[in-house]
């Protein structure tokens, strides 16, 4: 079993971190630069930054904010939102991103997946899939979850892999913000169908939910937002819990554990 990753996500709107339920009713969740620095120190394995209204507003990702965050962290950094051309990718990588997440632009122009992989390597290309169950079918949505497509989620994930994606970020819109657990059946089906890693997103509420989605290799990584933003789940304690459950985890800082012991 490969090492499992814990990934906080910064959903950005108007330069601020926000979080909602089922992609709506967004509330302020803190300063993104401060949050990023905290997560890097707290033991997160990676960080994801999603400019959730860039595509809807027809603009580029907030590149200056990306630069500020990149200066504060020393962990892999994935950036997405409003990316529609290979030139956008180059600019974000130069700003400090390690990987680029594309969603709406990949659906609109699937060839961009291969273009990005050819230019920068598949390891840089994350295809994000926002999925909602409609009439019994898991359907891909674009534009921050606002627009349903005709694409079925599993079929689109397979095509993205074939076109050169190095990773899939699967968000269940039905589970997003509910804290009722990840979409285990859909995520597991995708992970076992693909050869590339799948990041589970949407629904994390407890430490047990992470253990559930890692069982049977149903996901390579798990992403969450509000439970980390509002300190409902501590990342170091979560990684310790998962390691005790037998899941291989990346290094947990002994200094952080010592600090927490002194504080408590």
C-alpha atoms as a PDB file:
ATOM      1  CA  UNK A   1       0.000   0.000   0.000  1.00  0.00           C
ATOM      2  CA  UNK A   2       1.381   3.388  -1.007  1.00  0.00           C
ATOM      3  CA  UNK A   3       1.785   6.179   1.525  1.00  0.00           C
ATOM      4  CA  UNK A   4      -1.441   8.079   2.111  1.00  0.00           C
ATOM      5  CA  UNK A   5      -1.586  11.866   1.897  1.00  0.00           C
ATOM      6  CA  UNK A   6      -3.565  14.440   3.884  1.00  0.00           C
ATOM      7  CA  UNK A   7      -4.325  17.580   1.869  1.00  0.00           C
ATOM      8  CA  UNK A   8      -6.018  20.772   3.107  1.00  0.00           C
ATOM      9  CA  UNK A   9      -7.805  22.807   0.445  1.00  0.00           C
ATOM     10  CA  UNK A  10      -8.044  26.579   0.183  1.00  0.00           C
ATOM     11  CA  UNK A  11     -11.199  27.482  -1.763  1.00  0.00           C
ATOM     12  CA  UNK A  12     -10.617  31.107  -2.746  1.00  0.00           C
ATOM     13  CA  UNK A  13     -13.242  33.750  -3.556  1.00  0.00           C
ATOM     14  CA  UNK A  14     -12.397  37.457  -3.767  1.00  0.00           C
ATOM     15  CA  UNK A  15      -8.965  36.709  -2.327  1.00  0.00           C
ATOM     16  CA  UNK A  16     -10.348  35.059   0.821  1.00  0.00           C
ATOM     17  CA  UNK A  17     -10.658  31.450   1.944  1.00  0.00           C
ATOM     18  CA  UNK A  18     -14.302  30.346   1.913  1.00  0.00           C
ATOM     19  CA  UNK A  19     -16.264  27.174   2.615  1.00  0.00           C
ATOM     20  CA  UNK A  20     -19.844  26.132   2.007  1.00  0.00           C
ATOM     21  CA  UNK A  21     -22.128  23.109   1.839  1.00  0.00           C
ATOM     22  CA  UNK A  22     -22.826  21.405  -1.492  1.00  0.00           C
ATOM     23  CA  UNK A  23     -20.910  24.276  -3.180  1.00  0.00           C
ATOM     24  CA  UNK A  24     -23.287  27.007  -1.890  1.00  0.00           C
ATOM     25  CA  UNK A  25     -23.796  29.218   1.215  1.00  0.00           C
ATOM     26  CA  UNK A  26     -20.139  30.214   1.348  1.00  0.00           C
ATOM     27  CA  UNK A  27     -18.692  31.639   4.565  1.00  0.00           C
ATOM     28  CA  UNK A  28     -15.352  33.296   5.315  1.00  0.00           C
ATOM     29  CA  UNK A  29     -12.751  30.774   6.508  1.00  0.00           C
ATOM     30  CA  UNK A  30      -9.735  32.983   7.119  1.00  0.00           C
ATOM     31  CA  UNK A  31      -6.741  34.553   5.418  1.00  0.00           C
ATOM     32  CA  UNK A  32      -5.328  32.140   2.800  1.00  0.00           C
ATOM     33  CA  UNK A  33      -1.676  33.079   3.333  1.00  0.00           C
ATOM     34  CA  UNK A  34      -1.937  32.567   7.093  1.00  0.00           C
ATOM     35  CA  UNK A  35      -3.841  29.308   6.580  1.00  0.00           C
ATOM     36  CA  UNK A  36      -1.229  28.026   4.147  1.00  0.00           C
ATOM     37  CA  UNK A  37       1.639  28.779   6.514  1.00  0.00           C
ATOM     38  CA  UNK A  38      -0.208  27.037   9.321  1.00  0.00           C
ATOM     39  CA  UNK A  39      -0.799  23.902   7.259  1.00  0.00           C
ATOM     40  CA  UNK A  40       2.825  23.667   6.164  1.00  0.00           C
ATOM     41  CA  UNK A  41       3.851  23.829   9.821  1.00  0.00           C
ATOM     42  CA  UNK A  42       1.064  21.502  10.991  1.00  0.00           C
ATOM     43  CA  UNK A  43       2.221  18.536   8.927  1.00  0.00           C
ATOM     44  CA  UNK A  44       0.023  18.652   5.810  1.00  0.00           C
ATOM     45  CA  UNK A  45       1.468  16.562   2.975  1.00  0.00           C
ATOM     46  CA  UNK A  46       0.330  18.918   0.236  1.00  0.00           C
ATOM     47  CA  UNK A  47      -1.806  22.026  -0.239  1.00  0.00           C
ATOM     48  CA  UNK A  48      -4.481  22.709  -2.869  1.00  0.00           C
ATOM     49  CA  UNK A  49      -5.534  26.246  -3.885  1.00  0.00           C
ATOM     50  CA  UNK A  50      -8.729  26.539  -5.950  1.00  0.00           C
ATOM     51  CA  UNK A  51      -9.876  29.932  -7.227  1.00  0.00           C
ATOM     52  CA  UNK A  52     -13.503  28.812  -7.320  1.00  0.00           C
ATOM     53  CA  UNK A  53     -14.990  31.768  -9.219  1.00  0.00           C
ATOM     54  CA  UNK A  54     -12.231  32.438 -11.757  1.00  0.00           C
ATOM     55  CA  UNK A  55     -13.933  30.450 -14.530  1.00  0.00           C
ATOM     56  CA  UNK A  56     -17.401  31.847 -13.802  1.00  0.00           C
ATOM     57  CA  UNK A  57     -16.044  35.402 -13.786  1.00  0.00           C
ATOM     58  CA  UNK A  58     -14.006  34.771 -16.941  1.00  0.00           C
ATOM     59  CA  UNK A  59     -10.648  35.740 -15.437  1.00  0.00           C
ATOM     60  CA  UNK A  60      -7.256  34.260 -14.634  1.00  0.00           C
ATOM     61  CA  UNK A  61      -6.231  32.728 -11.320  1.00  0.00           C
ATOM     62  CA  UNK A  62      -5.126  35.184  -8.630  1.00  0.00           C
ATOM     63  CA  UNK A  63      -1.450  34.828  -9.427  1.00  0.00           C
ATOM     64  CA  UNK A  64      -0.139  37.354  -6.901  1.00  0.00           C
ATOM     65  CA  UNK A  65      -1.899  35.465  -4.121  1.00  0.00           C
ATOM     66  CA  UNK A  66      -0.360  32.234  -5.413  1.00  0.00           C
ATOM     67  CA  UNK A  67       3.086  33.851  -5.157  1.00  0.00           C
ATOM     68  CA  UNK A  68       2.457  34.973  -1.568  1.00  0.00           C
ATOM     69  CA  UNK A  69       1.335  31.495  -0.521  1.00  0.00           C
ATOM     70  CA  UNK A  70       4.215  29.756  -2.298  1.00  0.00           C
ATOM     71  CA  UNK A  71       6.691  31.872  -0.337  1.00  0.00           C
ATOM     72  CA  UNK A  72       5.185  30.637   2.943  1.00  0.00           C
ATOM     73  CA  UNK A  73       5.177  26.872   2.372  1.00  0.00           C
ATOM     74  CA  UNK A  74       7.613  24.044   1.695  1.00  0.00           C
ATOM     75  CA  UNK A  75       5.139  21.325   0.667  1.00  0.00           C
ATOM     76  CA  UNK A  76       3.792  20.415  -2.792  1.00  0.00           C
ATOM     77  CA  UNK A  77       1.347  23.085  -3.967  1.00  0.00           C
ATOM     78  CA  UNK A  78      -1.479  22.498  -6.459  1.00  0.00           C
ATOM     79  CA  UNK A  79      -3.274  25.484  -8.013  1.00  0.00           C
ATOM     80  CA  UNK A  80      -6.496  25.570 -10.023  1.00  0.00           C
ATOM     81  CA  UNK A  81      -9.168  27.934 -11.293  1.00  0.00           C
ATOM     82  CA  UNK A  82      -9.503  29.883 -14.544  1.00  0.00           C
ATOM     83  CA  UNK A  83      -6.754  27.952 -16.331  1.00  0.00           C
ATOM     84  CA  UNK A  84      -7.532  27.610 -20.016  1.00  0.00           C
ATOM     85  CA  UNK A  85      -4.201  27.812 -21.866  1.00  0.00           C
ATOM     86  CA  UNK A  86      -0.766  26.239 -21.581  1.00  0.00           C
ATOM     87  CA  UNK A  87       0.625  29.752 -21.028  1.00  0.00           C
ATOM     88  CA  UNK A  88      -1.471  29.981 -17.848  1.00  0.00           C
ATOM     89  CA  UNK A  89       0.229  26.839 -16.574  1.00  0.00           C
ATOM     90  CA  UNK A  90       3.682  28.222 -17.223  1.00  0.00           C
ATOM     91  CA  UNK A  91       2.859  31.426 -15.348  1.00  0.00           C
ATOM     92  CA  UNK A  92       1.543  29.574 -12.312  1.00  0.00           C
ATOM     93  CA  UNK A  93       4.494  27.197 -12.158  1.00  0.00           C
ATOM     94  CA  UNK A  94       6.811  30.203 -12.258  1.00  0.00           C
ATOM     95  CA  UNK A  95       4.729  31.748  -9.455  1.00  0.00           C
ATOM     96  CA  UNK A  96       5.468  28.748  -7.228  1.00  0.00           C
ATOM     97  CA  UNK A  97       2.881  26.069  -8.011  1.00  0.00           C
ATOM     98  CA  UNK A  98       4.091  22.466  -8.292  1.00  0.00           C
ATOM     99  CA  UNK A  99       0.980  21.026  -9.925  1.00  0.00           C
ATOM    100  CA  UNK A 100      -1.905  22.511 -11.877  1.00  0.00           C
ATOM    101  CA  UNK A 101      -5.542  21.509 -11.486  1.00  0.00           C
ATOM    102  CA  UNK A 102      -7.925  21.910 -14.422  1.00  0.00           C
ATOM    103  CA  UNK A 103     -11.654  21.209 -14.533  1.00  0.00           C
ATOM    104  CA  UNK A 104     -13.914  23.268 -16.794  1.00  0.00           C
ATOM    105  CA  UNK A 105     -11.177  23.909 -19.363  1.00  0.00           C
ATOM    106  CA  UNK A 106     -10.457  20.171 -19.631  1.00  0.00           C
ATOM    107  CA  UNK A 107     -14.115  19.415 -20.304  1.00  0.00           C
ATOM    108  CA  UNK A 108     -14.342  22.237 -22.828  1.00  0.00           C
ATOM    109  CA  UNK A 109     -11.066  21.309 -24.536  1.00  0.00           C
ATOM    110  CA  UNK A 110      -9.870  17.809 -23.555  1.00  0.00           C
ATOM    111  CA  UNK A 111      -6.752  18.214 -25.691  1.00  0.00           C
ATOM    112  CA  UNK A 112      -5.333  20.634 -23.125  1.00  0.00           C
ATOM    113  CA  UNK A 113      -4.672  17.661 -20.833  1.00  0.00           C
ATOM    114  CA  UNK A 114      -2.254  16.133 -23.323  1.00  0.00           C
ATOM    115  CA  UNK A 115      -0.746  19.507 -24.177  1.00  0.00           C
ATOM    116  CA  UNK A 116       0.008  20.171 -20.511  1.00  0.00           C
ATOM    117  CA  UNK A 117       1.402  16.672 -19.993  1.00  0.00           C
ATOM    118  CA  UNK A 118       3.654  16.988 -23.036  1.00  0.00           C
ATOM    119  CA  UNK A 119       4.931  20.424 -22.043  1.00  0.00           C
ATOM    120  CA  UNK A 120       5.310  19.985 -18.286  1.00  0.00           C
ATOM    121  CA  UNK A 121       4.944  16.244 -17.533  1.00  0.00           C
ATOM    122  CA  UNK A 122       1.944  14.218 -16.370  1.00  0.00           C
ATOM    123  CA  UNK A 123       3.042  14.564 -12.739  1.00  0.00           C
ATOM    124  CA  UNK A 124       2.096  18.251 -13.023  1.00  0.00           C
ATOM    125  CA  UNK A 125      -1.424  17.656 -14.393  1.00  0.00           C
ATOM    126  CA  UNK A 126      -4.325  17.189 -11.971  1.00  0.00           C
ATOM    127  CA  UNK A 127      -7.776  16.842 -13.515  1.00  0.00           C
ATOM    128  CA  UNK A 128     -10.407  17.942 -11.002  1.00  0.00           C
ATOM    129  CA  UNK A 129     -13.846  16.393 -11.332  1.00  0.00           C
ATOM    130  CA  UNK A 130     -16.871  17.869  -9.566  1.00  0.00           C
ATOM    131  CA  UNK A 131     -19.467  15.102  -9.565  1.00  0.00           C
ATOM    132  CA  UNK A 132     -23.142  15.090  -8.596  1.00  0.00           C
ATOM    133  CA  UNK A 133     -25.608  12.228  -8.795  1.00  0.00           C
ATOM    134  CA  UNK A 134     -28.481  13.120 -11.120  1.00  0.00           C
ATOM    135  CA  UNK A 135     -31.257  10.590 -11.687  1.00  0.00           C
ATOM    136  CA  UNK A 136     -29.017   7.743 -10.550  1.00  0.00           C
ATOM    137  CA  UNK A 137     -26.030   8.771 -12.704  1.00  0.00           C
ATOM    138  CA  UNK A 138     -22.794  10.359 -11.485  1.00  0.00           C
ATOM    139  CA  UNK A 139     -22.435  13.403 -13.722  1.00  0.00           C
ATOM    140  CA  UNK A 140     -19.507  15.801 -14.210  1.00  0.00           C
ATOM    141  CA  UNK A 141     -20.218  19.477 -13.432  1.00  0.00           C
ATOM    142  CA  UNK A 142     -18.196  22.529 -14.478  1.00  0.00           C
ATOM    143  CA  UNK A 143     -17.972  26.245 -13.609  1.00  0.00           C
ATOM    144  CA  UNK A 144     -17.571  25.650  -9.886  1.00  0.00           C
ATOM    145  CA  UNK A 145     -20.270  22.997  -9.879  1.00  0.00           C
ATOM    146  CA  UNK A 146     -22.876  25.251 -11.462  1.00  0.00           C
ATOM    147  CA  UNK A 147     -23.188  23.616 -14.887  1.00  0.00           C
ATOM    148  CA  UNK A 148     -24.006  19.922 -15.412  1.00  0.00           C
ATOM    149  CA  UNK A 149     -22.490  18.245 -18.467  1.00  0.00           C
ATOM    150  CA  UNK A 150     -23.360  15.102 -20.390  1.00  0.00           C
ATOM    151  CA  UNK A 151     -20.209  13.365 -19.170  1.00  0.00           C
ATOM    152  CA  UNK A 152     -20.425  10.437 -16.774  1.00  0.00           C
ATOM    153  CA  UNK A 153     -17.896  10.739 -13.982  1.00  0.00           C
ATOM    154  CA  UNK A 154     -16.086   7.401 -14.286  1.00  0.00           C
ATOM    155  CA  UNK A 155     -15.902   7.537 -18.069  1.00  0.00           C
ATOM    156  CA  UNK A 156     -14.482  11.059 -17.970  1.00  0.00           C
ATOM    157  CA  UNK A 157     -11.875  10.068 -15.364  1.00  0.00           C
ATOM    158  CA  UNK A 158     -10.720   7.215 -17.592  1.00  0.00           C
ATOM    159  CA  UNK A 159     -10.465   9.533 -20.595  1.00  0.00           C
ATOM    160  CA  UNK A 160      -8.504  12.070 -18.539  1.00  0.00           C
ATOM    161  CA  UNK A 161      -6.009   9.367 -17.595  1.00  0.00           C
ATOM    162  CA  UNK A 162      -5.666   8.244 -21.202  1.00  0.00           C
ATOM    163  CA  UNK A 163      -5.028  11.836 -22.295  1.00  0.00           C
ATOM    164  CA  UNK A 164      -2.160  12.255 -19.843  1.00  0.00           C
ATOM    165  CA  UNK A 165      -3.510  13.307 -16.440  1.00  0.00           C
ATOM    166  CA  UNK A 166      -1.220  12.336 -13.593  1.00  0.00           C
ATOM    167  CA  UNK A 167      -3.845  12.528 -10.869  1.00  0.00           C
ATOM    168  CA  UNK A 168      -7.592  12.944 -10.375  1.00  0.00           C
ATOM    169  CA  UNK A 169      -9.129  15.210  -7.741  1.00  0.00           C
ATOM    170  CA  UNK A 170     -12.638  13.818  -7.267  1.00  0.00           C
ATOM    171  CA  UNK A 171     -15.086  16.003  -5.365  1.00  0.00           C
ATOM    172  CA  UNK A 172     -18.520  14.644  -4.552  1.00  0.00           C
ATOM    173  CA  UNK A 173     -20.847  17.626  -4.637  1.00  0.00           C
ATOM    174  CA  UNK A 174     -23.469  15.568  -2.813  1.00  0.00           C
ATOM    175  CA  UNK A 175     -21.102  15.096   0.131  1.00  0.00           C
ATOM    176  CA  UNK A 176     -19.305  18.461   0.048  1.00  0.00           C
ATOM    177  CA  UNK A 177     -19.464  20.266   3.397  1.00  0.00           C
ATOM    178  CA  UNK A 178     -21.859  17.741   4.938  1.00  0.00           C
ATOM    179  CA  UNK A 179     -19.224  16.136   7.227  1.00  0.00           C
ATOM    180  CA  UNK A 180     -21.010  12.823   6.724  1.00  0.00           C
ATOM    181  CA  UNK A 181     -18.088  10.997   5.128  1.00  0.00           C
ATOM    182  CA  UNK A 182     -16.491  10.766   1.695  1.00  0.00           C
ATOM    183  CA  UNK A 183     -18.227   9.246  -1.347  1.00  0.00           C
ATOM    184  CA  UNK A 184     -16.644   5.860  -0.706  1.00  0.00           C
ATOM    185  CA  UNK A 185     -18.399   3.852  -3.416  1.00  0.00           C
ATOM    186  CA  UNK A 186     -17.707   6.304  -6.256  1.00  0.00           C
ATOM    187  CA  UNK A 187     -14.159   7.054  -5.119  1.00  0.00           C
ATOM    188  CA  UNK A 188     -13.338   3.373  -4.679  1.00  0.00           C
ATOM    189  CA  UNK A 189     -14.731   2.497  -8.096  1.00  0.00           C
ATOM    190  CA  UNK A 190     -12.606   5.209  -9.705  1.00  0.00           C
ATOM    191  CA  UNK A 191      -9.417   4.304  -7.803  1.00  0.00           C
ATOM    192  CA  UNK A 192      -9.639   0.637  -8.733  1.00  0.00           C
ATOM    193  CA  UNK A 193     -10.432   1.468 -12.359  1.00  0.00           C
ATOM    194  CA  UNK A 194      -7.494   3.862 -12.851  1.00  0.00           C
ATOM    195  CA  UNK A 195      -3.736   3.481 -12.666  1.00  0.00           C
ATOM    196  CA  UNK A 196      -3.148   7.062 -11.488  1.00  0.00           C
ATOM    197  CA  UNK A 197      -3.790   8.370  -7.941  1.00  0.00           C
ATOM    198  CA  UNK A 198      -7.238   9.575  -6.913  1.00  0.00           C
ATOM    199  CA  UNK A 199      -7.708  12.275  -4.273  1.00  0.00           C
ATOM    200  CA  UNK A 200     -11.000  11.954  -2.379  1.00  0.00           C
ATOM    201  CA  UNK A 201     -12.752  15.240  -1.644  1.00  0.00           C
ATOM    202  CA  UNK A 202     -16.080  16.203  -0.113  1.00  0.00           C
ATOM    203  CA  UNK A 203     -17.630  15.015   3.148  1.00  0.00           C
ATOM    204  CA  UNK A 204     -14.815  14.723   5.692  1.00  0.00           C
ATOM    205  CA  UNK A 205     -16.044  15.299   9.223  1.00  0.00           C
ATOM    206  CA  UNK A 206     -14.085  12.999  11.519  1.00  0.00           C
ATOM    207  CA  UNK A 207     -10.794  11.129  11.703  1.00  0.00           C
ATOM    208  CA  UNK A 208     -12.751   7.928  11.101  1.00  0.00           C
ATOM    209  CA  UNK A 209     -13.899   9.205   7.714  1.00  0.00           C
ATOM    210  CA  UNK A 210     -10.281   9.347   6.536  1.00  0.00           C
ATOM    211  CA  UNK A 211      -9.672   5.778   7.682  1.00  0.00           C
ATOM    212  CA  UNK A 212     -12.802   4.653   5.826  1.00  0.00           C
ATOM    213  CA  UNK A 213     -11.761   6.204   2.513  1.00  0.00           C
ATOM    214  CA  UNK A 214      -8.241   4.750   2.792  1.00  0.00           C
ATOM    215  CA  UNK A 215      -9.515   1.215   3.373  1.00  0.00           C
ATOM    216  CA  UNK A 216      -9.018  -1.158   0.452  1.00  0.00           C
ATOM    217  CA  UNK A 217      -6.940   1.532  -1.286  1.00  0.00           C
ATOM    218  CA  UNK A 218     -10.136   3.411  -2.169  1.00  0.00           C
ATOM    219  CA  UNK A 219      -8.116   6.649  -2.372  1.00  0.00           C
ATOM    220  CA  UNK A 220      -4.471   7.668  -2.500  1.00  0.00           C
ATOM    221  CA  UNK A 221      -5.094  10.934  -0.687  1.00  0.00           C
ATOM    222  CA  UNK A 222      -7.890  12.696   1.144  1.00  0.00           C
ATOM    223  CA  UNK A 223      -8.651  16.394   0.901  1.00  0.00           C
ATOM    224  CA  UNK A 224     -10.668  18.489   3.331  1.00  0.00           C
ATOM    225  CA  UNK A 225     -11.317  22.138   4.060  1.00  0.00           C
ATOM    226  CA  UNK A 226     -13.611  23.308   6.852  1.00  0.00           C
ATOM    227  CA  UNK A 227     -12.596  20.707   9.455  1.00  0.00           C
ATOM    228  CA  UNK A 228      -9.012  21.888   9.058  1.00  0.00           C
ATOM    229  CA  UNK A 229      -9.787  25.605   8.658  1.00  0.00           C
ATOM    230  CA  UNK A 230     -11.811  25.719  11.879  1.00  0.00           C
ATOM    231  CA  UNK A 231      -9.433  23.353  13.709  1.00  0.00           C
ATOM    232  CA  UNK A 232     -12.073  20.666  14.219  1.00  0.00           C
ATOM    233  CA  UNK A 233      -9.508  18.019  13.264  1.00  0.00           C
ATOM    234  CA  UNK A 234      -5.783  18.447  13.936  1.00  0.00           C
ATOM    235  CA  UNK A 235      -3.608  17.241  11.060  1.00  0.00           C
ATOM    236  CA  UNK A 236      -0.782  15.857  13.200  1.00  0.00           C
ATOM    237  CA  UNK A 237      -3.238  13.974  15.420  1.00  0.00           C
ATOM    238  CA  UNK A 238      -5.066  12.716  12.336  1.00  0.00           C
ATOM    239  CA  UNK A 239      -1.856  11.331  10.844  1.00  0.00           C
ATOM    240  CA  UNK A 240      -0.944   9.686  14.138  1.00  0.00           C
ATOM    241  CA  UNK A 241      -4.411   8.114  14.305  1.00  0.00           C
ATOM    242  CA  UNK A 242      -4.161   6.793  10.754  1.00  0.00           C
ATOM    243  CA  UNK A 243      -0.662   5.421  11.349  1.00  0.00           C
ATOM    244  CA  UNK A 244      -1.951   3.599  14.421  1.00  0.00           C
ATOM    245  CA  UNK A 245      -4.692   2.123  12.243  1.00  0.00           C
ATOM    246  CA  UNK A 246      -2.007   0.651   9.998  1.00  0.00           C
ATOM    247  CA  UNK A 247      -2.077   3.124   7.113  1.00  0.00           C
ATOM    248  CA  UNK A 248       1.367   4.146   5.798  1.00  0.00           C
ATOM    249  CA  UNK A 249       1.722   7.882   6.357  1.00  0.00           C
ATOM    250  CA  UNK A 250       4.379  10.363   5.395  1.00  0.00           C
ATOM    251  CA  UNK A 251       6.700  11.560   8.161  1.00  0.00           C
ATOM    252  CA  UNK A 252       4.968  13.091  11.164  1.00  0.00           C
ATOM    253  CA  UNK A 253       7.130  15.810  12.685  1.00  0.00           C
ATOM    254  CA  UNK A 254       8.429  14.758  16.100  1.00  0.00           C
ATOM    255  CA  UNK A 255       8.910  18.443  16.898  1.00  0.00           C
ATOM    256  CA  UNK A 256       5.232  19.118  16.259  1.00  0.00           C
ATOM    257  CA  UNK A 257       4.229  16.197  18.478  1.00  0.00           C
ATOM    258  CA  UNK A 258       6.526  17.472  21.228  1.00  0.00           C
ATOM    259  CA  UNK A 259       5.097  20.985  20.914  1.00  0.00           C
ATOM    260  CA  UNK A 260       1.540  19.693  21.195  1.00  0.00           C
ATOM    261  CA  UNK A 261       2.490  17.603  24.235  1.00  0.00           C
ATOM    262  CA  UNK A 262       3.956  20.668  25.951  1.00  0.00           C
ATOM    263  CA  UNK A 263       0.912  22.770  25.111  1.00  0.00           C
ATOM    264  CA  UNK A 264      -1.538  20.211  26.462  1.00  0.00           C
END
